[in-house]
Amino acid sequence: MDRETRVFAESHFRGLRGRLPSKVCPTPDRVDFIEKPDSFSYTDFFKSYLLPNVPCVFSSAFTEDWGSRKHWVTPSGKPDFDYLLQNYGDVVVPVANCGVQEYNSNPKEHMPLKDYISYWKEFIQRDYSSPRGCLYLKDWHLCRSPFHADIFRSFSWSVNICGRKKWFFFPPGQEEALRDCHGGLPYDVTAPEFLDSHLHPVLEVTQEAGEMVFVPSGWHHQVHNLVGRTLSPSTITGSMAVTWPTCGISCSRSCVPCSKKSASGGTPCQTGTTTARSS
């Protein structure tokens, strides 16, 4: 946190005197797109998105110097399996079988990344099918993550190193209208019964390669992959966890040499021009 942001934050929270803010920020009708790093500061982000608790998307200009964008993908923009195998092949990773729904989630198993990449290659060669089922199906073409909010109601970010995704965002509290008679949330908010935007207003955004999505605290969301192969490192703000869901890796900084810094090859930019963009 830079000095300007710290001074602003201290003044803001000191004024609350331990009380919760009485003013609720209005829900935006679209997700802002931050275009230029050189005209957007961390203080701008803190005031306009982190504090109001609303999502935004940072352009690929913010990540163009990241080492992962240079090394994790081939010149054609697809995952570089050889590089991933050489550097992370022996890492044991948790993998979800997204072809099976279990208590509104998916059963998990663990395997070395090299075994998962072997499965991944087979899955592609077999025209996106495998006798092992759909392991981490949400990271495959036309597949999705279940409807959820991030753990501990954290803030988080997700960057597409390669690939293309569509996000569906519901502001905190709006998920209550989606609960069934038992209080459970839907597995898929794109099911026909939830398509009425007047009853279930949703913010949609398409994330391209290199772009970074900021996911605010408590916002339920669902993510669809729109192209065949996607790599997306994600970080939960305020914790030590660093997840790499789209290549099957989920780990802490202590168990594998990959972190927010190693994904970027340095410190991510904290400075963009803001425009509005919706899918």
Foldseek 3Di string as FASTA:
>chain_A
DDPVQVVVVVVVVVVCVPPDDPDQDDADQAAKEFEFQVAFFLSNCCVPDAVNQHKHKYDLVLQPQFPCLVQQADPVQFGDLVSCCVAQQQPKFKKFQVVDQDPLATDIDIDGLVVVVVVVVVCVVVVNDDPVHQILVQLFAFHKAFWDFDPPLFKKKKAWSGFKKKKKKDPAPLQQLQADPVRDHDRDCVPPVNPPCVSRPIYMAMHHRSMMMIRGGRIIMMMHTNHGAIWMKMDGPPDQWTQTSRSRHTDGVVRHVDDPCNRRVHDGRRGGHMDTDGD
